[in-house]
């Protein structure tokens, strides 16, 4: 059973940085972690969940929402089965619960989320 566990959230000042991590487990030889495209989503209070950034299985291609392009960096470590989101130059509008998401073929998995609050 695939399990995604996010960590690294917290309170950060505007302009600051934080690094989110997502530890993945439960992958098999037939369904290895490296097969799964990974993404970060976020959900701000009172708003719908939105996609933030994505990375393909081998890590060689990434994509970002316009709102975070140039400020956030997604990366992965397939040996350690980890996903990361480096968030720099944070703004108050980045305040949200951030979720790790994995997908391959028809399968998809979500983490439980980690909260990031950007406030002075």
PDB file of N, CA and C in Angstrom:
ATOM      1  N   UNK A   1       0.842  -1.182   0.000  1.00  0.00           N
ATOM      2  CA  UNK A   1       0.000   0.000   0.000  1.00  0.00           C
ATOM      3  C   UNK A   1       0.882   1.237   0.000  1.00  0.00           C
ATOM      4  N   UNK A   2       0.643   2.116  -0.980  1.00  0.00           N
ATOM      5  CA  UNK A   2       1.447   3.317  -1.101  1.00  0.00           C
ATOM      6  C   UNK A   2       1.065   4.320  -0.029  1.00  0.00           C
ATOM      7  N   UNK A   3       2.074   4.907   0.575  1.00  0.00           N
ATOM      8  CA  UNK A   3       1.863   5.918   1.604  1.00  0.00           C
ATOM      9  C   UNK A   3       2.751   7.113   1.296  1.00  0.00           C
ATOM     10  N   UNK A   4       2.152   8.296   1.324  1.00  0.00           N
ATOM     11  CA  UNK A   4       2.889   9.546   1.111  1.00  0.00           C
ATOM     12  C   UNK A   4       2.757  10.395   2.367  1.00  0.00           C
ATOM     13  N   UNK A   5       3.882  10.809   2.916  1.00  0.00           N
ATOM     14  CA  UNK A   5       3.870  11.585   4.151  1.00  0.00           C
ATOM     15  C   UNK A   5       4.664  12.873   3.955  1.00  0.00           C
ATOM     16  N   UNK A   6       3.962  14.004   4.023  1.00  0.00           N
ATOM     17  CA  UNK A   6       4.603  15.307   3.862  1.00  0.00           C
ATOM     18  C   UNK A   6       5.146  15.812   5.202  1.00  0.00           C
ATOM     19  N   UNK A   7       6.154  16.655   5.108  1.00  0.00           N
ATOM     20  CA  UNK A   7       6.702  17.308   6.289  1.00  0.00           C
ATOM     21  C   UNK A   7       7.388  18.595   5.853  1.00  0.00           C
ATOM     22  N   UNK A   8       7.729  19.440   6.839  1.00  0.00           N
ATOM     23  CA  UNK A   8       8.480  20.651   6.550  1.00  0.00           C
ATOM     24  C   UNK A   8       7.688  21.933   6.582  1.00  0.00           C
ATOM     25  N   UNK A   9       6.388  21.838   6.754  1.00  0.00           N
ATOM     26  CA  UNK A   9       5.584  23.052   6.802  1.00  0.00           C
ATOM     27  C   UNK A   9       5.767  23.795   8.108  1.00  0.00           C
ATOM     28  N   UNK A  10       5.177  24.974   8.167  1.00  0.00           N
ATOM     29  CA  UNK A  10       5.266  25.775   9.376  1.00  0.00           C
ATOM     30  C   UNK A  10       4.997  27.228   9.077  1.00  0.00           C
ATOM     31  N   UNK A  11       5.374  28.080  10.026  1.00  0.00           N
ATOM     32  CA  UNK A  11       5.188  29.522   9.896  1.00  0.00           C
ATOM     33  C   UNK A  11       6.473  30.138   9.350  1.00  0.00           C
ATOM     34  N   UNK A  12       6.337  30.946   8.322  1.00  0.00           N
ATOM     35  CA  UNK A  12       7.497  31.590   7.713  1.00  0.00           C
ATOM     36  C   UNK A  12       7.122  33.025   7.356  1.00  0.00           C
ATOM     37  N   UNK A  13       8.099  33.921   7.438  1.00  0.00           N
ATOM     38  CA  UNK A  13       7.850  35.327   7.132  1.00  0.00           C
ATOM     39  C   UNK A  13       7.822  35.556   5.625  1.00  0.00           C
ATOM     40  N   UNK A  14       7.100  36.563   5.192  1.00  0.00           N
ATOM     41  CA  UNK A  14       7.124  36.917   3.764  1.00  0.00           C
ATOM     42  C   UNK A  14       8.564  37.147   3.297  1.00  0.00           C
ATOM     43  N   UNK A  15       8.865  36.614   2.121  1.00  0.00           N
ATOM     44  CA  UNK A  15      10.228  36.701   1.605  1.00  0.00           C
ATOM     45  C   UNK A  15      11.119  35.559   2.045  1.00  0.00           C
ATOM     46  N   UNK A  16      10.639  34.765   2.958  1.00  0.00           N
ATOM     47  CA  UNK A  16      11.423  33.659   3.485  1.00  0.00           C
ATOM     48  C   UNK A  16      11.335  32.412   2.624  1.00  0.00           C
ATOM     49  N   UNK A  17      11.968  31.353   3.119  1.00  0.00           N
ATOM     50  CA  UNK A  17      12.034  30.093   2.380  1.00  0.00           C
ATOM     51  C   UNK A  17      11.644  28.932   3.288  1.00  0.00           C
ATOM     52  N   UNK A  18      11.178  27.885   2.644  1.00  0.00           N
ATOM     53  CA  UNK A  18      10.890  26.638   3.358  1.00  0.00           C
ATOM     54  C   UNK A  18      11.018  25.507   2.362  1.00  0.00           C
ATOM     55  N   UNK A  19      11.411  24.344   2.857  1.00  0.00           N
ATOM     56  CA  UNK A  19      11.542  23.166   2.001  1.00  0.00           C
ATOM     57  C   UNK A  19      10.595  22.079   2.489  1.00  0.00           C
ATOM     58  N   UNK A  20       9.684  21.694   1.635  1.00  0.00           N
ATOM     59  CA  UNK A  20       8.771  20.609   1.947  1.00  0.00           C
ATOM     60  C   UNK A  20       9.345  19.288   1.463  1.00  0.00           C
ATOM     61  N   UNK A  21       9.057  18.238   2.212  1.00  0.00           N
ATOM     62  CA  UNK A  21       9.471  16.895   1.829  1.00  0.00           C
ATOM     63  C   UNK A  21       8.268  15.973   1.803  1.00  0.00           C
ATOM     64  N   UNK A  22       8.359  14.968   0.967  1.00  0.00           N
ATOM     65  CA  UNK A  22       7.318  13.939   0.903  1.00  0.00           C
ATOM     66  C   UNK A  22       8.023  12.590   0.862  1.00  0.00           C
ATOM     67  N   UNK A  23       7.828  11.816   1.916  1.00  0.00           N
ATOM     68  CA  UNK A  23       8.425  10.483   1.990  1.00  0.00           C
ATOM     69  C   UNK A  23       7.430   9.472   1.447  1.00  0.00           C
ATOM     70  N   UNK A  24       7.869   8.704   0.473  1.00  0.00           N
ATOM     71  CA  UNK A  24       6.993   7.735  -0.184  1.00  0.00           C
ATOM     72  C   UNK A  24       7.400   6.311   0.194  1.00  0.00           C
ATOM     73  N   UNK A  25       6.417   5.469   0.395  1.00  0.00           N
ATOM     74  CA  UNK A  25       6.682   4.072   0.721  1.00  0.00           C
ATOM     75  C   UNK A  25       5.581   3.194   0.135  1.00  0.00           C
ATOM     76  N   UNK A  26       5.853   1.878   0.140  1.00  0.00           N
ATOM     77  CA  UNK A  26       4.835   0.949  -0.322  1.00  0.00           C
ATOM     78  C   UNK A  26       4.887   0.630  -1.805  1.00  0.00           C
ATOM     79  N   UNK A  27       5.915   1.165  -2.498  1.00  0.00           N
ATOM     80  CA  UNK A  27       6.046   0.862  -3.917  1.00  0.00           C
ATOM     81  C   UNK A  27       6.661  -0.527  -4.092  1.00  0.00           C
ATOM     82  N   UNK A  28       6.398  -1.145  -5.236  1.00  0.00           N
ATOM     83  CA  UNK A  28       6.850  -2.505  -5.483  1.00  0.00           C
ATOM     84  C   UNK A  28       7.777  -2.547  -6.691  1.00  0.00           C
ATOM     85  N   UNK A  29       8.335  -3.709  -6.926  1.00  0.00           N
ATOM     86  CA  UNK A  29       9.204  -3.889  -8.087  1.00  0.00           C
ATOM     87  C   UNK A  29       8.401  -3.671  -9.373  1.00  0.00           C
ATOM     88  N   UNK A  30       7.165  -4.103  -9.377  1.00  0.00           N
ATOM     89  CA  UNK A  30       6.312  -3.923 -10.564  1.00  0.00           C
ATOM     90  C   UNK A  30       5.819  -2.495 -10.694  1.00  0.00           C
ATOM     91  N   UNK A  31       5.733  -1.794  -9.588  1.00  0.00           N
ATOM     92  CA  UNK A  31       5.250  -0.404  -9.573  1.00  0.00           C
ATOM     93  C   UNK A  31       6.231   0.446  -8.796  1.00  0.00           C
ATOM     94  N   UNK A  32       7.428   0.621  -9.330  1.00  0.00           N
ATOM     95  CA  UNK A  32       8.450   1.358  -8.587  1.00  0.00           C
ATOM     96  C   UNK A  32       8.153   2.844  -8.513  1.00  0.00           C
ATOM     97  N   UNK A  33       8.695   3.475  -7.518  1.00  0.00           N
ATOM     98  CA  UNK A  33       8.514   4.907  -7.303  1.00  0.00           C
ATOM     99  C   UNK A  33       8.918   5.694  -8.545  1.00  0.00           C
ATOM    100  N   UNK A  34       9.962   5.257  -9.210  1.00  0.00           N
ATOM    101  CA  UNK A  34      10.473   5.992 -10.363  1.00  0.00           C
ATOM    102  C   UNK A  34       9.509   5.985 -11.552  1.00  0.00           C
ATOM    103  N   UNK A  35       8.498   5.148 -11.530  1.00  0.00           N
ATOM    104  CA  UNK A  35       7.497   5.149 -12.598  1.00  0.00           C
ATOM    105  C   UNK A  35       6.465   6.253 -12.420  1.00  0.00           C
ATOM    106  N   UNK A  36       6.343   6.730 -11.209  1.00  0.00           N
ATOM    107  CA  UNK A  36       5.268   7.649 -10.878  1.00  0.00           C
ATOM    108  C   UNK A  36       5.672   9.101 -11.128  1.00  0.00           C
ATOM    109  N   UNK A  37       4.800   9.808 -11.843  1.00  0.00           N
ATOM    110  CA  UNK A  37       4.919  11.256 -11.907  1.00  0.00           C
ATOM    111  C   UNK A  37       4.430  11.802 -10.571  1.00  0.00           C
ATOM    112  N   UNK A  38       5.118  12.814 -10.088  1.00  0.00           N
ATOM    113  CA  UNK A  38       4.798  13.381  -8.782  1.00  0.00           C
ATOM    114  C   UNK A  38       4.454  14.855  -8.922  1.00  0.00           C
ATOM    115  N   UNK A  39       3.578  15.307  -8.066  1.00  0.00           N
ATOM    116  CA  UNK A  39       3.193  16.710  -8.062  1.00  0.00           C
ATOM    117  C   UNK A  39       2.992  17.207  -6.642  1.00  0.00           C
ATOM    118  N   UNK A  40       3.040  18.514  -6.525  1.00  0.00           N
ATOM    119  CA  UNK A  40       2.601  19.202  -5.313  1.00  0.00           C
ATOM    120  C   UNK A  40       1.343  19.986  -5.671  1.00  0.00           C
ATOM    121  N   UNK A  41       0.357  19.864  -4.802  1.00  0.00           N
ATOM    122  CA  UNK A  41      -0.856  20.652  -4.878  1.00  0.00           C
ATOM    123  C   UNK A  41      -0.950  21.469  -3.594  1.00  0.00           C
ATOM    124  N   UNK A  42      -1.817  22.468  -3.607  1.00  0.00           N
ATOM    125  CA  UNK A  42      -2.063  23.223  -2.382  1.00  0.00           C
ATOM    126  C   UNK A  42      -3.529  23.644  -2.330  1.00  0.00           C
ATOM    127  N   UNK A  43      -3.974  23.845  -1.105  1.00  0.00           N
ATOM    128  CA  UNK A  43      -5.347  24.309  -0.891  1.00  0.00           C
ATOM    129  C   UNK A  43      -5.328  25.394   0.166  1.00  0.00           C
ATOM    130  N   UNK A  44      -5.676  26.595  -0.257  1.00  0.00           N
ATOM    131  CA  UNK A  44      -5.754  27.727   0.658  1.00  0.00           C
ATOM    132  C   UNK A  44      -7.133  27.751   1.310  1.00  0.00           C
ATOM    133  N   UNK A  45      -7.245  28.395   2.456  1.00  0.00           N
ATOM    134  CA  UNK A  45      -8.542  28.462   3.148  1.00  0.00           C
ATOM    135  C   UNK A  45      -9.623  29.045   2.240  1.00  0.00           C
ATOM    136  N   UNK A  46     -10.730  28.334   2.131  1.00  0.00           N
ATOM    137  CA  UNK A  46     -11.847  28.814   1.344  1.00  0.00           C
ATOM    138  C   UNK A  46     -11.703  28.683  -0.155  1.00  0.00           C
ATOM    139  N   UNK A  47     -10.621  28.035  -0.598  1.00  0.00           N
ATOM    140  CA  UNK A  47     -10.374  27.902  -2.034  1.00  0.00           C
ATOM    141  C   UNK A  47     -10.272  26.434  -2.421  1.00  0.00           C
ATOM    142  N   UNK A  48     -10.372  26.175  -3.717  1.00  0.00           N
ATOM    143  CA  UNK A  48     -10.218  24.819  -4.213  1.00  0.00           C
ATOM    144  C   UNK A  48      -8.744  24.429  -4.259  1.00  0.00           C
ATOM    145  N   UNK A  49      -8.517  23.134  -4.219  1.00  0.00           N
ATOM    146  CA  UNK A  49      -7.153  22.636  -4.330  1.00  0.00           C
ATOM    147  C   UNK A  49      -6.621  22.958  -5.719  1.00  0.00           C
ATOM    148  N   UNK A  50      -5.350  23.403  -5.789  1.00  0.00           N
ATOM    149  CA  UNK A  50      -4.754  23.752  -7.063  1.00  0.00           C
ATOM    150  C   UNK A  50      -3.400  23.087  -7.229  1.00  0.00           C
ATOM    151  N   UNK A  51      -3.085  22.770  -8.464  1.00  0.00           N
ATOM    152  CA  UNK A  51      -1.796  22.182  -8.792  1.00  0.00           C
ATOM    153  C   UNK A  51      -0.712  23.260  -8.701  1.00  0.00           C
ATOM    154  N   UNK A  52       0.453  22.874  -8.161  1.00  0.00           N
ATOM    155  CA  UNK A  52       1.547  23.817  -7.959  1.00  0.00           C
ATOM    156  C   UNK A  52       2.743  23.499  -8.861  1.00  0.00           C
ATOM    157  N   UNK A  53       3.151  22.232  -8.850  1.00  0.00           N
ATOM    158  CA  UNK A  53       4.339  21.843  -9.615  1.00  0.00           C
ATOM    159  C   UNK A  53       4.321  20.343  -9.848  1.00  0.00           C
ATOM    160  N   UNK A  54       4.977  19.923 -10.936  1.00  0.00           N
ATOM    161  CA  UNK A  54       5.021  18.503 -11.258  1.00  0.00           C
ATOM    162  C   UNK A  54       6.383  18.087 -11.763  1.00  0.00           C
ATOM    163  N   UNK A  55       6.692  16.801 -11.626  1.00  0.00           N
ATOM    164  CA  UNK A  55       7.981  16.262 -12.070  1.00  0.00           C
ATOM    165  C   UNK A  55       7.754  14.846 -12.576  1.00  0.00           C
ATOM    166  N   UNK A  56       8.406  14.508 -13.683  1.00  0.00           N
ATOM    167  CA  UNK A  56       8.201  13.168 -14.239  1.00  0.00           C
ATOM    168  C   UNK A  56       9.036  12.141 -13.465  1.00  0.00           C
ATOM    169  N   UNK A  57       8.847  10.875 -13.806  1.00  0.00           N
ATOM    170  CA  UNK A  57       9.446   9.805 -13.034  1.00  0.00           C
ATOM    171  C   UNK A  57      10.960   9.857 -12.903  1.00  0.00           C
ATOM    172  N   UNK A  58      11.640  10.165 -14.002  1.00  0.00           N
ATOM    173  CA  UNK A  58      13.104  10.192 -13.939  1.00  0.00           C
ATOM    174  C   UNK A  58      13.651  11.549 -13.490  1.00  0.00           C
ATOM    175  N   UNK A  59      12.778  12.474 -13.223  1.00  0.00           N
ATOM    176  CA  UNK A  59      13.188  13.775 -12.698  1.00  0.00           C
ATOM    177  C   UNK A  59      13.737  14.746 -13.723  1.00  0.00           C
ATOM    178  N   UNK A  60      13.694  14.383 -14.988  1.00  0.00           N
ATOM    179  CA  UNK A  60      14.360  15.212 -15.996  1.00  0.00           C
ATOM    180  C   UNK A  60      13.494  16.333 -16.537  1.00  0.00           C
ATOM    181  N   UNK A  61      12.239  16.353 -16.172  1.00  0.00           N
ATOM    182  CA  UNK A  61      11.366  17.421 -16.634  1.00  0.00           C
ATOM    183  C   UNK A  61      10.465  17.868 -15.502  1.00  0.00           C
ATOM    184  N   UNK A  62      10.299  19.159 -15.394  1.00  0.00           N
ATOM    185  CA  UNK A  62       9.452  19.748 -14.361  1.00  0.00           C
ATOM    186  C   UNK A  62       8.563  20.808 -14.983  1.00  0.00           C
ATOM    187  N   UNK A  63       7.511  21.137 -14.253  1.00  0.00           N
ATOM    188  CA  UNK A  63       6.596  22.167 -14.723  1.00  0.00           C
ATOM    189  C   UNK A  63       5.992  22.843 -13.513  1.00  0.00           C
ATOM    190  N   UNK A  64       5.657  24.130 -13.679  1.00  0.00           N
ATOM    191  CA  UNK A  64       5.184  24.917 -12.544  1.00  0.00           C
ATOM    192  C   UNK A  64       3.958  25.740 -12.911  1.00  0.00           C
ATOM    193  N   UNK A  65       3.137  25.988 -11.918  1.00  0.00           N
ATOM    194  CA  UNK A  65       2.055  26.938 -12.089  1.00  0.00           C
ATOM    195  C   UNK A  65       2.654  28.331 -12.254  1.00  0.00           C
ATOM    196  N   UNK A  66       1.968  29.178 -13.000  1.00  0.00           N
ATOM    197  CA  UNK A  66       2.489  30.525 -13.244  1.00  0.00           C
ATOM    198  C   UNK A  66       2.745  31.277 -11.948  1.00  0.00           C
ATOM    199  N   UNK A  67       1.907  31.037 -10.957  1.00  0.00           N
ATOM    200  CA  UNK A  67       1.995  31.779  -9.706  1.00  0.00           C
ATOM    201  C   UNK A  67       3.251  31.468  -8.901  1.00  0.00           C
ATOM    202  N   UNK A  68       3.914  30.353  -9.182  1.00  0.00           N
ATOM    203  CA  UNK A  68       5.104  29.974  -8.409  1.00  0.00           C
ATOM    204  C   UNK A  68       6.353  29.862  -9.274  1.00  0.00           C
ATOM    205  N   UNK A  69       6.206  29.988 -10.577  1.00  0.00           N
ATOM    206  CA  UNK A  69       7.343  29.870 -11.492  1.00  0.00           C
ATOM    207  C   UNK A  69       8.451  30.842 -11.082  1.00  0.00           C
ATOM    208  N   UNK A  70       9.671  30.328 -10.982  1.00  0.00           N
ATOM    209  CA  UNK A  70      10.811  31.158 -10.603  1.00  0.00           C
ATOM    210  C   UNK A  70      11.025  31.281  -9.105  1.00  0.00           C
ATOM    211  N   UNK A  71      10.059  30.845  -8.309  1.00  0.00           N
ATOM    212  CA  UNK A  71      10.193  30.926  -6.841  1.00  0.00           C
ATOM    213  C   UNK A  71      10.251  29.545  -6.197  1.00  0.00           C
ATOM    214  N   UNK A  72       9.575  28.572  -6.794  1.00  0.00           N
ATOM    215  CA  UNK A  72       9.530  27.213  -6.246  1.00  0.00           C
ATOM    216  C   UNK A  72      10.329  26.275  -7.147  1.00  0.00           C
ATOM    217  N   UNK A  73      10.916  25.242  -6.529  1.00  0.00           N
ATOM    218  CA  UNK A  73      11.649  24.225  -7.272  1.00  0.00           C
ATOM    219  C   UNK A  73      11.244  22.849  -6.780  1.00  0.00           C
ATOM    220  N   UNK A  74      10.764  22.028  -7.691  1.00  0.00           N
ATOM    221  CA  UNK A  74      10.394  20.652  -7.351  1.00  0.00           C
ATOM    222  C   UNK A  74      11.544  19.727  -7.732  1.00  0.00           C
ATOM    223  N   UNK A  75      11.788  18.726  -6.895  1.00  0.00           N
ATOM    224  CA  UNK A  75      12.835  17.755  -7.186  1.00  0.00           C
ATOM    225  C   UNK A  75      12.468  16.429  -6.528  1.00  0.00           C
ATOM    226  N   UNK A  76      13.191  15.389  -6.899  1.00  0.00           N
ATOM    227  CA  UNK A  76      12.924  14.070  -6.330  1.00  0.00           C
ATOM    228  C   UNK A  76      14.221  13.278  -6.204  1.00  0.00           C
ATOM    229  N   UNK A  77      14.204  12.330  -5.284  1.00  0.00           N
ATOM    230  CA  UNK A  77      15.314  11.398  -5.097  1.00  0.00           C
ATOM    231  C   UNK A  77      14.718  10.006  -5.190  1.00  0.00           C
ATOM    232  N   UNK A  78      14.913   9.360  -6.327  1.00  0.00           N
ATOM    233  CA  UNK A  78      14.275   8.061  -6.541  1.00  0.00           C
ATOM    234  C   UNK A  78      14.914   6.946  -5.711  1.00  0.00           C
ATOM    235  N   UNK A  79      16.132   7.126  -5.311  1.00  0.00           N
ATOM    236  CA  UNK A  79      16.775   6.112  -4.466  1.00  0.00           C
ATOM    237  C   UNK A  79      16.159   6.159  -3.066  1.00  0.00           C
ATOM    238  N   UNK A  80      15.983   7.353  -2.541  1.00  0.00           N
ATOM    239  CA  UNK A  80      15.415   7.501  -1.198  1.00  0.00           C
ATOM    240  C   UNK A  80      13.891   7.566  -1.223  1.00  0.00           C
ATOM    241  N   UNK A  81      13.311   7.585  -2.418  1.00  0.00           N
ATOM    242  CA  UNK A  81      11.850   7.670  -2.567  1.00  0.00           C
ATOM    243  C   UNK A  81      11.320   8.917  -1.856  1.00  0.00           C
ATOM    244  N   UNK A  82      11.883  10.053  -2.263  1.00  0.00           N
ATOM    245  CA  UNK A  82      11.514  11.327  -1.660  1.00  0.00           C
ATOM    246  C   UNK A  82      11.156  12.328  -2.744  1.00  0.00           C
ATOM    247  N   UNK A  83      10.221  13.218  -2.423  1.00  0.00           N
ATOM    248  CA  UNK A  83       9.847  14.342  -3.260  1.00  0.00           C
ATOM    249  C   UNK A  83      10.055  15.602  -2.439  1.00  0.00           C
ATOM    250  N   UNK A  84      10.512  16.672  -3.105  1.00  0.00           N
ATOM    251  CA  UNK A  84      10.800  17.906  -2.398  1.00  0.00           C
ATOM    252  C   UNK A  84      10.154  19.098  -3.120  1.00  0.00           C
ATOM    253  N   UNK A  85       9.919  20.138  -2.338  1.00  0.00           N
ATOM    254  CA  UNK A  85       9.499  21.413  -2.914  1.00  0.00           C
ATOM    255  C   UNK A  85      10.241  22.513  -2.160  1.00  0.00           C
ATOM    256  N   UNK A  86      11.197  23.123  -2.831  1.00  0.00           N
ATOM    257  CA  UNK A  86      11.900  24.276  -2.279  1.00  0.00           C
ATOM    258  C   UNK A  86      11.099  25.514  -2.612  1.00  0.00           C
ATOM    259  N   UNK A  87      10.697  26.244  -1.597  1.00  0.00           N
ATOM    260  CA  UNK A  87       9.835  27.409  -1.764  1.00  0.00           C
ATOM    261  C   UNK A  87      10.601  28.640  -1.301  1.00  0.00           C
ATOM    262  N   UNK A  88      10.900  29.531  -2.204  1.00  0.00           N
ATOM    263  CA  UNK A  88      11.644  30.750  -1.904  1.00  0.00           C
ATOM    264  C   UNK A  88      10.786  31.986  -2.162  1.00  0.00           C
ATOM    265  N   UNK A  89      11.218  33.105  -1.574  1.00  0.00           N
ATOM    266  CA  UNK A  89      10.511  34.374  -1.765  1.00  0.00           C
ATOM    267  C   UNK A  89       9.008  34.200  -1.532  1.00  0.00           C
ATOM    268  N   UNK A  90       8.696  33.623  -0.401  1.00  0.00           N
ATOM    269  CA  UNK A  90       7.298  33.303  -0.119  1.00  0.00           C
ATOM    270  C   UNK A  90       6.453  34.557   0.084  1.00  0.00           C
ATOM    271  N   UNK A  91       5.203  34.416  -0.319  1.00  0.00           N
ATOM    272  CA  UNK A  91       4.230  35.504  -0.209  1.00  0.00           C
ATOM    273  C   UNK A  91       3.057  35.049   0.642  1.00  0.00           C
ATOM    274  N   UNK A  92       2.295  36.002   1.126  1.00  0.00           N
ATOM    275  CA  UNK A  92       1.144  35.639   1.968  1.00  0.00           C
ATOM    276  C   UNK A  92       0.169  34.740   1.203  1.00  0.00           C
ATOM    277  N   UNK A  93       0.076  34.942  -0.101  1.00  0.00           N
ATOM    278  CA  UNK A  93      -0.856  34.128  -0.891  1.00  0.00           C
ATOM    279  C   UNK A  93      -0.381  32.688  -1.100  1.00  0.00           C
ATOM    280  N   UNK A  94       0.805  32.376  -0.636  1.00  0.00           N
ATOM    281  CA  UNK A  94       1.290  30.997  -0.666  1.00  0.00           C
ATOM    282  C   UNK A  94       0.803  30.201   0.544  1.00  0.00           C
ATOM    283  N   UNK A  95       0.155  30.871   1.471  1.00  0.00           N
ATOM    284  CA  UNK A  95      -0.393  30.194   2.642  1.00  0.00           C
ATOM    285  C   UNK A  95      -1.414  29.162   2.212  1.00  0.00           C
ATOM    286  N   UNK A  96      -1.185  27.909   2.622  1.00  0.00           N
ATOM    287  CA  UNK A  96      -2.060  26.814   2.195  1.00  0.00           C
ATOM    288  C   UNK A  96      -1.605  25.519   2.857  1.00  0.00           C
ATOM    289  N   UNK A  97      -2.428  24.508   2.702  1.00  0.00           N
ATOM    290  CA  UNK A  97      -1.998  23.147   3.010  1.00  0.00           C
ATOM    291  C   UNK A  97      -1.447  22.560   1.717  1.00  0.00           C
ATOM    292  N   UNK A  98      -0.237  22.029   1.789  1.00  0.00           N
ATOM    293  CA  UNK A  98       0.441  21.495   0.617  1.00  0.00           C
ATOM    294  C   UNK A  98       0.380  19.963   0.631  1.00  0.00           C
ATOM    295  N   UNK A  99       0.004  19.409  -0.524  1.00  0.00           N
ATOM    296  CA  UNK A  99      -0.184  17.970  -0.650  1.00  0.00           C
ATOM    297  C   UNK A  99       0.758  17.374  -1.684  1.00  0.00           C
ATOM    298  N   UNK A 100       1.254  16.219  -1.375  1.00  0.00           N
ATOM    299  CA  UNK A 100       2.067  15.410  -2.279  1.00  0.00           C
ATOM    300  C   UNK A 100       1.130  14.477  -3.043  1.00  0.00           C
ATOM    301  N   UNK A 101       1.383  14.290  -4.343  1.00  0.00           N
ATOM    302  CA  UNK A 101       0.505  13.491  -5.187  1.00  0.00           C
ATOM    303  C   UNK A 101       1.336  12.642  -6.130  1.00  0.00           C
ATOM    304  N   UNK A 102       0.960  11.364  -6.238  1.00  0.00           N
ATOM    305  CA  UNK A 102       1.662  10.431  -7.120  1.00  0.00           C
ATOM    306  C   UNK A 102       0.669   9.803  -8.091  1.00  0.00           C
ATOM    307  N   UNK A 103       1.077   9.648  -9.344  1.00  0.00           N
ATOM    308  CA  UNK A 103       0.186   9.032 -10.311  1.00  0.00           C
ATOM    309  C   UNK A 103       0.957   8.239 -11.345  1.00  0.00           C
ATOM    310  N   UNK A 104       0.411   7.097 -11.733  1.00  0.00           N
ATOM    311  CA  UNK A 104       0.981   6.257 -12.800  1.00  0.00           C
ATOM    312  C   UNK A 104      -0.115   5.342 -13.302  1.00  0.00           C
ATOM    313  N   UNK A 105      -0.288   5.285 -14.568  1.00  0.00           N
ATOM    314  CA  UNK A 105      -1.416   4.587 -15.219  1.00  0.00           C
ATOM    315  C   UNK A 105      -2.701   5.089 -14.570  1.00  0.00           C
ATOM    316  N   UNK A 106      -3.494   4.233 -14.041  1.00  0.00           N
ATOM    317  CA  UNK A 106      -4.768   4.661 -13.456  1.00  0.00           C
ATOM    318  C   UNK A 106      -4.678   4.870 -11.949  1.00  0.00           C
ATOM    319  N   UNK A 107      -3.494   4.683 -11.423  1.00  0.00           N
ATOM    320  CA  UNK A 107      -3.336   4.795  -9.971  1.00  0.00           C
ATOM    321  C   UNK A 107      -2.955   6.205  -9.552  1.00  0.00           C
ATOM    322  N   UNK A 108      -3.494   6.632  -8.435  1.00  0.00           N
ATOM    323  CA  UNK A 108      -3.136   7.926  -7.875  1.00  0.00           C
ATOM    324  C   UNK A 108      -3.218   7.853  -6.361  1.00  0.00           C
ATOM    325  N   UNK A 109      -2.305   8.589  -5.730  1.00  0.00           N
ATOM    326  CA  UNK A 109      -2.218   8.587  -4.280  1.00  0.00           C
ATOM    327  C   UNK A 109      -1.971  10.011  -3.784  1.00  0.00           C
ATOM    328  N   UNK A 110      -2.528  10.300  -2.617  1.00  0.00           N
ATOM    329  CA  UNK A 110      -2.380  11.614  -1.990  1.00  0.00           C
ATOM    330  C   UNK A 110      -1.774  11.464  -0.602  1.00  0.00           C
ATOM    331  N   UNK A 111      -1.005  12.449  -0.213  1.00  0.00           N
ATOM    332  CA  UNK A 111      -0.565  12.540   1.162  1.00  0.00           C
ATOM    333  C   UNK A 111      -1.613  13.257   1.991  1.00  0.00           C
ATOM    334  N   UNK A 112      -1.315  13.399   3.280  1.00  0.00           N
ATOM    335  CA  UNK A 112      -2.286  14.000   4.193  1.00  0.00           C
ATOM    336  C   UNK A 112      -2.140  15.512   4.271  1.00  0.00           C
ATOM    337  N   UNK A 113      -1.040  16.040   3.735  1.00  0.00           N
ATOM    338  CA  UNK A 113      -0.841  17.481   3.687  1.00  0.00           C
ATOM    339  C   UNK A 113       0.015  18.023   4.811  1.00  0.00           C
ATOM    340  N   UNK A 114       0.673  19.141   4.523  1.00  0.00           N
ATOM    341  CA  UNK A 114       1.429  19.876   5.531  1.00  0.00           C
ATOM    342  C   UNK A 114       1.128  21.358   5.341  1.00  0.00           C
ATOM    343  N   UNK A 115       0.919  22.062   6.439  1.00  0.00           N
ATOM    344  CA  UNK A 115       0.469  23.449   6.348  1.00  0.00           C
ATOM    345  C   UNK A 115       1.653  24.406   6.308  1.00  0.00           C
ATOM    346  N   UNK A 116       1.546  25.374   5.417  1.00  0.00           N
ATOM    347  CA  UNK A 116       2.510  26.468   5.334  1.00  0.00           C
ATOM    348  C   UNK A 116       1.749  27.771   5.548  1.00  0.00           C
ATOM    349  N   UNK A 117       2.220  28.552   6.509  1.00  0.00           N
ATOM    350  CA  UNK A 117       1.609  29.850   6.788  1.00  0.00           C
ATOM    351  C   UNK A 117       2.669  30.919   6.579  1.00  0.00           C
ATOM    352  N   UNK A 118       2.385  31.834   5.675  1.00  0.00           N
ATOM    353  CA  UNK A 118       3.313  32.925   5.397  1.00  0.00           C
ATOM    354  C   UNK A 118       2.737  34.189   6.018  1.00  0.00           C
ATOM    355  N   UNK A 119       3.391  34.644   7.068  1.00  0.00           N
ATOM    356  CA  UNK A 119       2.873  35.785   7.799  1.00  0.00           C
ATOM    357  C   UNK A 119       3.980  36.422   8.622  1.00  0.00           C
ATOM    358  N   UNK A 120       3.875  37.734   8.787  1.00  0.00           N
ATOM    359  CA  UNK A 120       4.836  38.430   9.637  1.00  0.00           C
ATOM    360  C   UNK A 120       4.310  38.547  11.062  1.00  0.00           C
TER     361      UNK A 120
END
